[in-house]
């Protein structure tokens, strides 16, 4: 008869996407509570900057902006949309902060 070790069930649980989302949410909640208590070791601006400095691949940029691939590259060519960053020989990504700034600019134009 085979005995199970403690690592096997935890490996299956760790691979479950819903568990990963729950763990991430718990971590973010803990970080927010730490900031609210005022005993944070890193200033809030550094935490916010770290979160917005991730690189987004094309499908995520399309989802966030509502633009299709050809429109994104056309606007990049015309200097309207943020330039992509080469992440590999055949891969490109966009800084999340630049995409969010572009979206905010569009919203500001809409408000005026």
C-alpha atoms as a PDB file:
ATOM      1  CA  UNK A   1       0.000   0.000   0.000  1.00  0.00           C
ATOM      2  CA  UNK A   2       1.305   3.406  -0.992  1.00  0.00           C
ATOM      3  CA  UNK A   3       1.607   6.101   1.656  1.00  0.00           C
ATOM      4  CA  UNK A   4       1.061   9.710   0.677  1.00  0.00           C
ATOM      5  CA  UNK A   5       3.512  12.372   1.686  1.00  0.00           C
ATOM      6  CA  UNK A   6       2.448  15.852   2.673  1.00  0.00           C
ATOM      7  CA  UNK A   7       4.038  17.330  -0.454  1.00  0.00           C
ATOM      8  CA  UNK A   8       1.780  15.561  -2.975  1.00  0.00           C
ATOM      9  CA  UNK A   9      -1.555  17.147  -1.970  1.00  0.00           C
ATOM     10  CA  UNK A  10       0.022  20.561  -1.509  1.00  0.00           C
ATOM     11  CA  UNK A  11       1.575  20.333  -4.988  1.00  0.00           C
ATOM     12  CA  UNK A  12      -1.880  19.647  -6.486  1.00  0.00           C
ATOM     13  CA  UNK A  13      -3.418  22.494  -4.499  1.00  0.00           C
ATOM     14  CA  UNK A  14      -0.598  24.877  -5.476  1.00  0.00           C
ATOM     15  CA  UNK A  15      -1.192  24.082  -9.165  1.00  0.00           C
ATOM     16  CA  UNK A  16      -4.918  24.945  -8.916  1.00  0.00           C
ATOM     17  CA  UNK A  17      -5.508  28.429 -10.458  1.00  0.00           C
ATOM     18  CA  UNK A  18      -8.344  29.254  -8.065  1.00  0.00           C
ATOM     19  CA  UNK A  19      -6.073  28.543  -5.110  1.00  0.00           C
ATOM     20  CA  UNK A  20      -3.383  30.741  -6.644  1.00  0.00           C
ATOM     21  CA  UNK A  21      -5.889  33.615  -7.042  1.00  0.00           C
ATOM     22  CA  UNK A  22      -7.042  33.174  -3.445  1.00  0.00           C
ATOM     23  CA  UNK A  23      -3.458  33.226  -2.182  1.00  0.00           C
ATOM     24  CA  UNK A  24      -2.702  36.341  -4.228  1.00  0.00           C
ATOM     25  CA  UNK A  25      -5.848  38.047  -2.906  1.00  0.00           C
ATOM     26  CA  UNK A  26      -4.877  37.126   0.655  1.00  0.00           C
ATOM     27  CA  UNK A  27      -1.389  38.549   0.117  1.00  0.00           C
ATOM     28  CA  UNK A  28      -2.805  41.796  -1.293  1.00  0.00           C
ATOM     29  CA  UNK A  29      -5.234  42.080   1.599  1.00  0.00           C
ATOM     30  CA  UNK A  30      -2.417  41.555   4.080  1.00  0.00           C
ATOM     31  CA  UNK A  31      -0.352  44.234   2.323  1.00  0.00           C
ATOM     32  CA  UNK A  32      -3.308  46.653   2.403  1.00  0.00           C
ATOM     33  CA  UNK A  33      -3.857  46.035   6.109  1.00  0.00           C
ATOM     34  CA  UNK A  34      -0.164  46.628   6.747  1.00  0.00           C
ATOM     35  CA  UNK A  35      -0.356  49.942   4.884  1.00  0.00           C
ATOM     36  CA  UNK A  36      -3.477  50.983   6.805  1.00  0.00           C
ATOM     37  CA  UNK A  37      -1.796  50.240  10.139  1.00  0.00           C
ATOM     38  CA  UNK A  38       1.116  52.429   9.103  1.00  0.00           C
ATOM     39  CA  UNK A  39       3.838  49.887   9.869  1.00  0.00           C
ATOM     40  CA  UNK A  40       4.764  49.173   6.268  1.00  0.00           C
ATOM     41  CA  UNK A  41       8.444  48.673   5.539  1.00  0.00           C
ATOM     42  CA  UNK A  42       8.160  50.056   1.984  1.00  0.00           C
ATOM     43  CA  UNK A  43       6.520  53.362   1.130  1.00  0.00           C
ATOM     44  CA  UNK A  44       3.203  53.059  -0.781  1.00  0.00           C
ATOM     45  CA  UNK A  45       4.636  54.714  -3.905  1.00  0.00           C
ATOM     46  CA  UNK A  46       7.304  52.027  -4.260  1.00  0.00           C
ATOM     47  CA  UNK A  47       4.686  49.306  -3.916  1.00  0.00           C
ATOM     48  CA  UNK A  48       2.459  50.962  -6.528  1.00  0.00           C
ATOM     49  CA  UNK A  49       5.370  51.496  -8.900  1.00  0.00           C
ATOM     50  CA  UNK A  50       6.447  47.859  -8.648  1.00  0.00           C
ATOM     51  CA  UNK A  51       2.945  46.656  -9.468  1.00  0.00           C
ATOM     52  CA  UNK A  52       2.610  48.856 -12.557  1.00  0.00           C
ATOM     53  CA  UNK A  53       6.012  48.050 -14.039  1.00  0.00           C
ATOM     54  CA  UNK A  54       5.068  44.632 -15.385  1.00  0.00           C
ATOM     55  CA  UNK A  55       5.210  43.945 -19.093  1.00  0.00           C
ATOM     56  CA  UNK A  56       2.012  43.105 -20.977  1.00  0.00           C
ATOM     57  CA  UNK A  57       1.908  40.870 -24.031  1.00  0.00           C
ATOM     58  CA  UNK A  58      -0.217  41.754 -27.072  1.00  0.00           C
ATOM     59  CA  UNK A  59      -3.413  39.845 -26.131  1.00  0.00           C
ATOM     60  CA  UNK A  60      -3.555  41.654 -22.781  1.00  0.00           C
ATOM     61  CA  UNK A  61      -2.919  45.043 -24.439  1.00  0.00           C
ATOM     62  CA  UNK A  62      -5.707  44.301 -26.929  1.00  0.00           C
ATOM     63  CA  UNK A  63      -8.049  43.395 -24.080  1.00  0.00           C
ATOM     64  CA  UNK A  64      -7.238  46.517 -22.058  1.00  0.00           C
ATOM     65  CA  UNK A  65      -7.427  48.984 -24.939  1.00  0.00           C
ATOM     66  CA  UNK A  66     -10.109  47.429 -27.109  1.00  0.00           C
ATOM     67  CA  UNK A  67      -7.834  47.868 -30.125  1.00  0.00           C
ATOM     68  CA  UNK A  68      -6.927  45.120 -32.556  1.00  0.00           C
ATOM     69  CA  UNK A  69      -3.325  44.183 -33.380  1.00  0.00           C
ATOM     70  CA  UNK A  70      -3.147  46.200 -36.589  1.00  0.00           C
ATOM     71  CA  UNK A  71      -4.557  49.334 -34.916  1.00  0.00           C
ATOM     72  CA  UNK A  72      -2.005  49.081 -32.091  1.00  0.00           C
ATOM     73  CA  UNK A  73       0.922  48.802 -34.508  1.00  0.00           C
ATOM     74  CA  UNK A  74      -0.473  51.561 -36.757  1.00  0.00           C
ATOM     75  CA  UNK A  75      -0.818  53.925 -33.795  1.00  0.00           C
ATOM     76  CA  UNK A  76       2.693  52.988 -32.635  1.00  0.00           C
ATOM     77  CA  UNK A  77       3.994  53.860 -36.101  1.00  0.00           C
ATOM     78  CA  UNK A  78       2.235  57.253 -35.951  1.00  0.00           C
ATOM     79  CA  UNK A  79       3.552  57.913 -32.425  1.00  0.00           C
ATOM     80  CA  UNK A  80       0.123  57.830 -30.764  1.00  0.00           C
ATOM     81  CA  UNK A  81       0.458  54.539 -28.864  1.00  0.00           C
ATOM     82  CA  UNK A  82       3.393  53.604 -26.570  1.00  0.00           C
ATOM     83  CA  UNK A  83       6.242  51.718 -28.210  1.00  0.00           C
ATOM     84  CA  UNK A  84       6.733  48.064 -27.399  1.00  0.00           C
ATOM     85  CA  UNK A  85       9.807  46.651 -25.705  1.00  0.00           C
ATOM     86  CA  UNK A  86      11.626  43.689 -27.226  1.00  0.00           C
ATOM     87  CA  UNK A  87      11.576  40.831 -24.729  1.00  0.00           C
ATOM     88  CA  UNK A  88      13.087  38.221 -27.009  1.00  0.00           C
ATOM     89  CA  UNK A  89      14.056  37.571 -30.609  1.00  0.00           C
ATOM     90  CA  UNK A  90      10.415  37.272 -31.684  1.00  0.00           C
ATOM     91  CA  UNK A  91       8.586  38.693 -28.667  1.00  0.00           C
ATOM     92  CA  UNK A  92       7.457  42.157 -27.649  1.00  0.00           C
ATOM     93  CA  UNK A  93       5.628  43.573 -24.662  1.00  0.00           C
ATOM     94  CA  UNK A  94       4.367  46.922 -23.428  1.00  0.00           C
ATOM     95  CA  UNK A  95       5.021  48.460 -20.003  1.00  0.00           C
ATOM     96  CA  UNK A  96       1.740  48.388 -18.095  1.00  0.00           C
ATOM     97  CA  UNK A  97       2.314  51.926 -16.825  1.00  0.00           C
ATOM     98  CA  UNK A  98       2.596  53.242 -20.408  1.00  0.00           C
ATOM     99  CA  UNK A  99      -0.582  51.456 -21.520  1.00  0.00           C
ATOM    100  CA  UNK A 100      -2.499  52.662 -18.458  1.00  0.00           C
ATOM    101  CA  UNK A 101      -1.250  56.222 -19.092  1.00  0.00           C
ATOM    102  CA  UNK A 102      -2.432  56.004 -22.716  1.00  0.00           C
ATOM    103  CA  UNK A 103      -5.859  54.820 -21.526  1.00  0.00           C
ATOM    104  CA  UNK A 104      -6.035  57.670 -18.985  1.00  0.00           C
ATOM    105  CA  UNK A 105      -5.171  60.182 -21.714  1.00  0.00           C
ATOM    106  CA  UNK A 106      -8.028  58.854 -23.870  1.00  0.00           C
ATOM    107  CA  UNK A 107     -10.402  59.161 -20.915  1.00  0.00           C
ATOM    108  CA  UNK A 108      -9.246  62.760 -20.293  1.00  0.00           C
ATOM    109  CA  UNK A 109      -9.856  63.621 -23.957  1.00  0.00           C
ATOM    110  CA  UNK A 110     -13.319  62.135 -23.688  1.00  0.00           C
ATOM    111  CA  UNK A 111     -14.134  64.245 -20.618  1.00  0.00           C
ATOM    112  CA  UNK A 112     -13.281  67.520 -22.376  1.00  0.00           C
END
